[in-house]
Amino acid sequence: MALTEVFTGAHGTLTLANEDTPEGKDAQTVIETWEIQTVGRLNDVEVRVDTALKEFYEVGRRHPVSLSPGDIAISGVVGRAYVNGALLVLLMGRGSAPTAIAEPYVQPSFNMTLRLNDPAHPGNTVSLELGGVKFQNWHYTLPEDDFVVEDLRFKALTIRVIDREGGDETGGGEATPTAAGFETA
């Protein structure tokens, strides 16, 4: 049976994990120092996947006769109430240290998982795993009479869908991810 439940942001969590690279090691240092494996105080998360489809038009036709796949770009935005400088440090890395550090230094890179859980169906989860994530820019808002918020734009190298249905009701394990049965050539 396919997953058919709908979710709100209250069902979601955003977690960060390091990669096994020099950039990932710097990200892990930030994640551990500020204890942000699960990012709190989020108020907005957007993920966008754009494929540069190209239409081919023949002379004398108004509609395209072919759509050719183009480059894939994965990007998004994370918005949260500003509580500390952890996400800015994930953008700047060693460049945001209180004392100057000689360049060059790496920009932290990490994995991001957006996971939705429905309390009515605890064995069902809907997840997106983004790999090779780097924050692109950071925006800070200090309003007169509202919460201080930060927004970060990011780009990612990969995205995977990890939907799990059911699970071991006895607590003995997690359900196997749902996978499409694509044929191989």
Protein backbone atom coordinates (compact mmCIF):
# COMPACT_ATOMS: atom_id res chain seq x y z
CA MET A 1 0.00 0.00 0.00
CA ALA A 2 1.36 3.43 -0.91
CA LEU A 3 1.92 6.17 1.62
CA THR A 4 -0.98 8.62 1.32
CA GLU A 5 -0.96 10.71 4.52
CA VAL A 6 -0.50 14.48 4.37
CA PHE A 7 1.78 16.38 6.70
CA THR A 8 2.32 19.81 8.22
CA GLY A 9 5.59 21.36 9.32
CA ALA A 10 4.86 20.15 12.85
CA HIS A 11 5.59 16.60 11.62
CA GLY A 12 9.05 17.48 10.30
CA THR A 13 12.64 17.49 11.49
CA LEU A 14 15.83 18.69 9.81
CA THR A 15 19.01 16.83 10.69
CA LEU A 16 22.60 17.44 9.59
CA ALA A 17 25.39 14.91 9.19
CA ASN A 18 28.97 15.25 8.12
CA GLU A 19 30.62 13.81 5.03
CA ASP A 20 33.96 11.98 5.02
CA THR A 21 35.88 14.86 3.40
CA PRO A 22 37.94 17.81 4.70
CA GLU A 23 34.83 19.99 4.23
CA GLY A 24 32.79 17.39 6.13
CA LYS A 25 35.22 17.37 9.05
CA ASP A 26 34.82 21.13 9.47
CA ALA A 27 31.03 20.72 9.28
CA GLN A 28 31.17 17.99 11.95
CA THR A 29 33.13 20.31 14.24
CA VAL A 30 30.39 22.95 13.91
CA ILE A 31 27.56 20.40 14.32
CA GLU A 32 29.13 19.00 17.50
CA THR A 33 30.17 22.38 18.99
CA TRP A 34 26.70 23.90 18.66
CA GLU A 35 24.85 20.57 19.06
CA ILE A 36 22.80 21.08 15.91
CA GLN A 37 22.53 17.55 14.56
CA THR A 38 18.78 18.21 14.72
CA VAL A 39 18.29 21.86 13.81
CA GLY A 40 15.79 23.56 16.11
CA ARG A 41 13.72 26.72 15.90
CA LEU A 42 13.02 26.28 12.20
CA ASN A 43 10.23 28.32 10.71
CA ASP A 44 10.67 27.53 7.03
CA VAL A 45 12.48 25.00 4.84
CA GLU A 46 12.24 24.87 1.05
CA VAL A 47 13.87 22.38 -1.32
CA ARG A 48 13.83 22.94 -5.06
CA VAL A 49 14.92 20.62 -7.89
CA ASP A 50 15.14 22.24 -11.31
CA THR A 51 15.79 20.32 -14.51
CA ALA A 52 16.66 22.40 -17.53
CA LEU A 53 14.33 20.68 -19.98
CA LYS A 54 14.90 21.84 -23.53
CA GLU A 55 12.08 21.85 -26.07
CA PHE A 56 12.79 20.98 -29.68
CA TYR A 57 10.53 22.63 -32.23
CA GLU A 58 10.31 21.59 -35.88
CA VAL A 59 9.71 24.18 -38.57
CA GLY A 60 5.99 24.59 -39.10
CA ARG A 61 4.99 23.22 -35.66
CA ARG A 62 3.67 25.23 -32.73
CA HIS A 63 4.20 22.50 -30.15
CA PRO A 64 7.53 20.88 -29.28
CA VAL A 65 8.14 17.43 -30.72
CA SER A 66 10.69 16.48 -28.08
CA LEU A 67 11.77 17.37 -24.55
CA SER A 68 15.45 16.75 -23.82
CA PRO A 69 16.73 16.50 -20.26
CA GLY A 70 19.20 19.16 -19.16
CA ASP A 71 21.22 19.96 -16.09
CA ILE A 72 19.76 19.23 -12.65
CA ALA A 73 20.10 21.92 -9.97
CA ILE A 74 19.19 21.25 -6.32
CA SER A 75 18.77 24.26 -4.03
CA GLY A 76 16.70 25.58 -1.18
CA VAL A 77 16.23 27.86 1.80
CA VAL A 78 16.39 27.26 5.54
CA GLY A 79 14.77 29.83 7.83
CA ARG A 80 15.01 29.74 11.60
CA ALA A 81 14.79 31.91 14.66
CA TYR A 82 18.29 33.22 15.31
CA VAL A 83 19.58 31.62 18.50
CA ASN A 84 23.33 31.41 17.82
CA GLY A 85 25.87 31.66 15.02
CA ALA A 86 26.00 27.94 14.17
CA LEU A 87 24.48 28.17 10.69
CA LEU A 88 26.61 31.19 9.77
CA VAL A 89 29.69 29.19 10.82
CA LEU A 90 28.46 26.33 8.58
CA LEU A 91 28.49 28.83 5.71
CA MET A 92 31.80 30.55 6.48
CA GLY A 93 33.71 27.75 8.17
CA ARG A 94 37.03 28.81 9.64
CA GLY A 95 36.55 32.25 8.07
CA SER A 96 34.05 33.19 10.80
CA ALA A 97 36.44 32.43 13.69
CA PRO A 98 36.90 35.20 16.31
CA THR A 99 40.56 35.45 15.28
CA ALA A 100 41.76 35.74 11.70
CA ILE A 101 42.75 32.50 9.99
CA ALA A 102 45.01 32.44 6.96
CA GLU A 103 43.38 31.47 3.69
CA PRO A 104 42.77 29.16 1.95
CA TYR A 105 40.39 27.15 4.09
CA VAL A 106 37.52 24.87 3.11
CA GLN A 107 33.83 25.72 3.18
CA PRO A 108 31.97 23.14 5.28
CA SER A 109 29.93 20.58 3.35
CA PHE A 110 27.35 18.29 4.91
CA ASN A 111 24.32 16.08 4.35
CA MET A 112 20.81 17.28 5.19
CA THR A 113 17.80 15.05 5.90
CA LEU A 114 14.22 16.35 5.98
CA ARG A 115 12.08 13.73 7.68
CA LEU A 116 8.32 13.70 8.19
CA ASN A 117 6.78 11.38 10.80
CA ASP A 118 3.07 10.91 11.40
CA PRO A 119 2.30 10.09 15.06
CA ALA A 120 -0.84 8.22 13.94
CA HIS A 121 1.34 5.88 11.85
CA PRO A 122 4.69 5.73 13.66
CA GLY A 123 6.25 3.21 11.27
CA ASN A 124 5.72 5.46 8.24
CA THR A 125 8.33 8.09 7.40
CA VAL A 126 8.84 10.28 4.37
CA SER A 127 12.39 11.58 3.97
CA LEU A 128 14.51 13.56 1.57
CA GLU A 129 18.27 13.16 1.89
CA LEU A 130 20.40 15.87 0.32
CA GLY A 131 24.10 15.21 -0.13
CA GLY A 132 27.02 17.56 -0.67
CA VAL A 133 25.11 20.52 0.81
CA LYS A 134 26.81 23.90 1.12
CA PHE A 135 25.18 27.09 2.30
CA GLN A 136 25.39 29.76 -0.40
CA ASN A 137 24.42 32.89 1.53
CA TRP A 138 23.06 34.05 4.87
CA HIS A 139 20.49 36.72 5.68
CA TYR A 140 19.76 38.10 9.16
CA THR A 141 16.70 40.17 10.05
CA LEU A 142 16.46 42.27 13.21
CA PRO A 143 12.89 43.64 13.20
CA GLU A 144 11.64 46.25 15.64
CA ASP A 145 8.85 44.17 17.18
CA ASP A 146 9.16 40.57 15.96
CA PHE A 147 11.51 37.61 16.32
CA VAL A 148 15.07 37.80 15.04
CA VAL A 149 15.36 35.35 12.14
CA GLU A 150 18.06 34.08 9.81
CA ASP A 151 17.62 32.69 6.31
CA LEU A 152 20.21 30.64 4.47
CA ARG A 153 20.18 29.59 0.85
CA PHE A 154 21.88 26.33 -0.01
CA LYS A 155 22.86 24.16 -2.96
CA ALA A 156 23.25 20.38 -2.98
CA LEU A 157 24.88 17.81 -5.23
CA THR A 158 22.35 15.00 -4.80
CA ILE A 159 18.85 14.27 -3.52
CA ARG A 160 17.34 10.89 -2.59
CA VAL A 161 13.80 9.90 -1.64
CA ILE A 162 13.70 7.56 1.38
CA ASP A 163 10.05 6.68 2.04
CA ARG A 164 9.43 3.89 4.54
CA GLU A 165 6.08 2.22 5.12
CA GLY A 166 5.28 0.17 8.18
CA GLY A 167 8.10 -1.12 10.27
CA ASP A 168 8.53 -3.72 12.90
CA GLU A 169 5.75 -3.19 15.42
CA THR A 170 7.81 -5.01 18.04
CA GLY A 171 10.49 -2.32 17.85
CA GLY A 172 12.97 -4.64 16.16
CA GLY A 173 13.81 -2.51 13.17
CA GLU A 174 12.99 0.08 10.61
CA ALA A 175 11.02 -0.60 7.45
CA THR A 176 12.82 -1.07 4.15
CA PRO A 177 12.70 2.03 1.91
CA THR A 178 10.16 1.99 -0.89
CA ALA A 179 11.93 1.76 -4.24
CA ALA A 180 10.69 1.91 -7.82
CA GLY A 181 11.50 -1.21 -9.82
CA PHE A 182 13.26 0.45 -12.75
CA GLU A 183 14.49 -1.92 -15.44
CA THR A 184 18.17 -1.95 -16.27
CA ALA A 185 19.37 -2.00 -19.84
